[in-house]
C-alpha atoms as a PDB file:
ATOM      1  CA  MET A   1      25.393  11.277  21.211  1.00  0.00           C
ATOM      2  CA  LYS A   2      22.473   9.369  22.772  1.00  0.00           C
ATOM      3  CA  ILE A   3      19.945  11.606  21.024  1.00  0.00           C
ATOM      4  CA  SER A   4      21.439  11.072  17.563  1.00  0.00           C
ATOM      5  CA  ALA A   5      21.618   7.291  18.106  1.00  0.00           C
ATOM      6  CA  LEU A   6      17.962   7.278  19.149  1.00  0.00           C
ATOM      7  CA  SER A   7      17.055   9.397  16.136  1.00  0.00           C
ATOM      8  CA  LEU A   8      18.888   6.984  13.846  1.00  0.00           C
ATOM      9  CA  ILE A   9      17.079   3.969  15.326  1.00  0.00           C
ATOM     10  CA  ALA A  10      13.702   5.730  14.992  1.00  0.00           C
ATOM     11  CA  ALA A  11      14.432   6.693  11.376  1.00  0.00           C
ATOM     12  CA  VAL A  12      15.425   3.129  10.465  1.00  0.00           C
ATOM     13  CA  ALA A  13      12.303   1.733  12.153  1.00  0.00           C
ATOM     14  CA  LEU A  14      10.133   4.236  10.285  1.00  0.00           C
ATOM     15  CA  CYS A  15      11.697   3.329   6.922  1.00  0.00           C
ATOM     16  CA  ILE A  16      11.300  -0.396   7.561  1.00  0.00           C
ATOM     17  CA  GLY A  17       7.676   0.119   8.590  1.00  0.00           C
ATOM     18  CA  ALA A  18       6.964   2.172   5.476  1.00  0.00           C
ATOM     19  CA  GLY A  19       8.480  -0.516   3.267  1.00  0.00           C
ATOM     20  CA  VAL A  20       6.422  -3.306   4.815  1.00  0.00           C
ATOM     21  CA  ALA A  21       3.044  -1.576   4.833  1.00  0.00           C
ATOM     22  CA  PRO A  22       2.560  -1.211   1.052  1.00  0.00           C
ATOM     23  CA  ALA A  23       3.572  -4.830   0.405  1.00  0.00           C
ATOM     24  CA  ALA A  24       1.116  -6.050   3.030  1.00  0.00           C
ATOM     25  CA  HIS A  25      -1.647  -3.889   1.514  1.00  0.00           C
ATOM     26  CA  THR A  26      -1.171  -5.180  -2.039  1.00  0.00           C
ATOM     27  CA  ALA A  27      -1.101  -8.770  -0.800  1.00  0.00           C
ATOM     28  CA  LYS A  28      -4.731  -8.323   0.328  1.00  0.00           C
ATOM     29  CA  ALA A  29      -5.944  -7.287  -3.142  1.00  0.00           C
ATOM     30  CA  LYS A  30      -8.430  -9.712  -4.668  1.00  0.00           C
ATOM     31  CA  THR A  31      -7.887 -10.960  -8.209  1.00  0.00           C
ATOM     32  CA  LEU A  32     -10.310 -10.464 -11.090  1.00  0.00           C
ATOM     33  CA  ASN A  33      -9.569 -12.664 -14.116  1.00  0.00           C
ATOM     34  CA  VAL A  34     -10.134 -11.760 -17.763  1.00  0.00           C
ATOM     35  CA  VAL A  35     -10.522 -15.025 -19.678  1.00  0.00           C
ATOM     36  CA  MET A  36     -11.023 -16.239 -23.251  1.00  0.00           C
ATOM     37  CA  HIS A  37     -14.550 -17.522 -23.889  1.00  0.00           C
ATOM     38  CA  ASP A  38     -16.614 -17.584 -27.065  1.00  0.00           C
ATOM     39  CA  PRO A  39     -18.746 -15.861 -28.156  1.00  0.00           C
ATOM     40  CA  GLY A  40     -17.327 -12.434 -27.483  1.00  0.00           C
ATOM     41  CA  CYS A  41     -13.688 -13.415 -26.974  1.00  0.00           C
ATOM     42  CA  HIS A  42     -12.860 -11.935 -23.551  1.00  0.00           C
ATOM     43  CA  TRP A  43     -14.913 -11.849 -20.366  1.00  0.00           C
ATOM     44  CA  PHE A  44     -14.570 -11.263 -16.649  1.00  0.00           C
ATOM     45  CA  SER A  45     -14.791 -14.595 -14.856  1.00  0.00           C
ATOM     46  CA  ILE A  46     -16.751 -13.962 -11.642  1.00  0.00           C
ATOM     47  CA  GLY A  47     -17.945 -16.871  -9.525  1.00  0.00           C
ATOM     48  CA  GLY A  48     -17.910 -19.248 -12.493  1.00  0.00           C
ATOM     49  CA  LYS A  49     -20.016 -16.885 -14.638  1.00  0.00           C
ATOM     50  CA  PHE A  50     -18.903 -14.745 -17.560  1.00  0.00           C
ATOM     51  CA  ARG A  51     -19.656 -11.004 -17.438  1.00  0.00           C
ATOM     52  CA  THR A  52     -18.784  -7.954 -19.530  1.00  0.00           C
ATOM     53  CA  THR A  53     -19.141  -5.511 -16.631  1.00  0.00           C
ATOM     54  CA  ALA A  54     -17.908  -5.635 -13.072  1.00  0.00           C
ATOM     55  CA  SER A  55     -18.066  -3.357 -10.059  1.00  0.00           C
ATOM     56  CA  VAL A  56     -15.685  -4.249  -7.232  1.00  0.00           C
ATOM     57  CA  THR A  57     -14.258  -2.799  -4.065  1.00  0.00           C
ATOM     58  CA  GLY A  58     -10.568  -2.121  -4.561  1.00  0.00           C
ATOM     59  CA  PRO A  59      -7.769  -2.363  -4.836  1.00  0.00           C
ATOM     60  CA  ILE A  60      -8.105  -5.196  -7.348  1.00  0.00           C
ATOM     61  CA  ARG A  61      -5.490  -7.233  -9.212  1.00  0.00           C
ATOM     62  CA  LEU A  62      -6.611  -7.622 -12.844  1.00  0.00           C
ATOM     63  CA  ALA A  63      -5.137 -10.782 -14.404  1.00  0.00           C
ATOM     64  CA  ASN A  64      -5.043 -11.475 -18.155  1.00  0.00           C
ATOM     65  CA  TYR A  65      -5.812 -15.074 -19.161  1.00  0.00           C
ATOM     66  CA  ASP A  66      -7.087 -14.067 -22.604  1.00  0.00           C
ATOM     67  CA  GLU A  67      -5.338 -14.832 -25.896  1.00  0.00           C
ATOM     68  CA  ALA A  68      -3.585 -11.473 -26.411  1.00  0.00           C
ATOM     69  CA  THR A  69      -2.429  -8.333 -24.619  1.00  0.00           C
ATOM     70  CA  LEU A  70      -5.198  -6.249 -23.034  1.00  0.00           C
ATOM     71  CA  LYS A  71      -5.455  -2.450 -23.111  1.00  0.00           C
ATOM     72  CA  VAL A  72      -6.814  -0.957 -19.899  1.00  0.00           C
ATOM     73  CA  ARG A  73      -8.015   2.633 -20.404  1.00  0.00           C
ATOM     74  CA  SER A  74      -8.771   5.033 -17.597  1.00  0.00           C
ATOM     75  CA  GLY A  75      -8.718   8.779 -16.984  1.00  0.00           C
ATOM     76  CA  LYS A  76      -4.991   8.392 -16.245  1.00  0.00           C
ATOM     77  CA  GLY A  77      -4.110   6.841 -19.614  1.00  0.00           C
ATOM     78  CA  ILE A  78      -3.628   3.373 -21.071  1.00  0.00           C
ATOM     79  CA  GLN A  79      -1.915   0.408 -19.438  1.00  0.00           C
ATOM     80  CA  ARG A  80      -1.205  -2.888 -21.160  1.00  0.00           C
ATOM     81  CA  ILE A  81      -1.338  -6.341 -19.594  1.00  0.00           C
ATOM     82  CA  LYS A  82       0.446  -9.165 -21.386  1.00  0.00           C
ATOM     83  CA  VAL A  83      -1.022 -12.678 -21.333  1.00  0.00           C
ATOM     84  CA  GLY A  84      -0.383 -14.361 -17.979  1.00  0.00           C
ATOM     85  CA  LYS A  85       0.441 -11.058 -16.243  1.00  0.00           C
ATOM     86  CA  SER A  86      -1.557  -8.808 -13.925  1.00  0.00           C
ATOM     87  CA  ILE A  87      -1.716  -5.206 -12.743  1.00  0.00           C
ATOM     88  CA  LEU A  88      -3.035  -3.566  -9.594  1.00  0.00           C
ATOM     89  CA  LEU A  89      -5.957  -1.183 -10.124  1.00  0.00           C
ATOM     90  CA  ARG A  90      -7.224   1.331  -7.619  1.00  0.00           C
ATOM     91  CA  HIS A  91     -10.349   3.516  -7.517  1.00  0.00           C
ATOM     92  CA  GLY A  92     -11.640   4.468 -10.961  1.00  0.00           C
ATOM     93  CA  HIS A  93     -13.504   3.515 -14.124  1.00  0.00           C
ATOM     94  CA  TYR A  94     -11.739   1.301 -16.656  1.00  0.00           C
ATOM     95  CA  ARG A  95     -12.467   0.198 -20.241  1.00  0.00           C
ATOM     96  CA  ILE A  96     -10.743  -3.014 -21.275  1.00  0.00           C
ATOM     97  CA  THR A  97     -10.189  -4.170 -24.867  1.00  0.00           C
ATOM     98  CA  MET A  98      -7.808  -6.585 -26.533  1.00  0.00           C
ATOM     99  CA  VAL A  99      -5.005  -5.341 -28.779  1.00  0.00           C
ATOM    100  CA  GLY A 100      -6.161  -5.777 -32.387  1.00  0.00           C
ATOM    101  CA  GLN A 101      -9.581  -7.055 -31.409  1.00  0.00           C
ATOM    102  CA  ALA A 102     -12.383  -7.632 -33.876  1.00  0.00           C
ATOM    103  CA  PRO A 103     -15.214  -5.063 -33.866  1.00  0.00           C
ATOM    104  CA  ASP A 104     -17.724  -7.628 -32.576  1.00  0.00           C
ATOM    105  CA  ASP A 105     -15.605  -8.645 -29.546  1.00  0.00           C
ATOM    106  CA  ASN A 106     -16.624  -7.588 -26.048  1.00  0.00           C
ATOM    107  CA  HIS A 107     -15.630  -4.238 -24.581  1.00  0.00           C
ATOM    108  CA  LEU A 108     -15.278  -4.810 -20.843  1.00  0.00           C
ATOM    109  CA  LYS A 109     -16.201  -2.153 -18.265  1.00  0.00           C
ATOM    110  CA  LEU A 110     -14.767  -2.193 -14.738  1.00  0.00           C
ATOM    111  CA  THR A 111     -15.557   0.099 -11.834  1.00  0.00           C
ATOM    112  CA  VAL A 112     -13.267  -0.054  -8.796  1.00  0.00           C
ATOM    113  CA  ARG A 113     -14.812   1.612  -5.743  1.00  0.00           C
END
């Protein structure tokens, strides 16, 4: 009986530890903002400057402060970010455009290392 009680306590501790670790890891992710700024419509806002490309060490939280939903394309498919929302991005190359954007608007490129 003592062995099964110890096993139960160890299993519960392991599950609790596994649940806490991912939340702690995502809390450390830095945020990269996509903002509305003319000309070009949407830009990365990095250190008070506007850029169309960014290379960051991940994971990174990409936040949409543009005027419409953003499409984030990668080798894994397309994700959408509504205005005022964010998503967590891990290692990869991403192409970011706005839904229904004009042909002369910026096409953002993001590399997460």
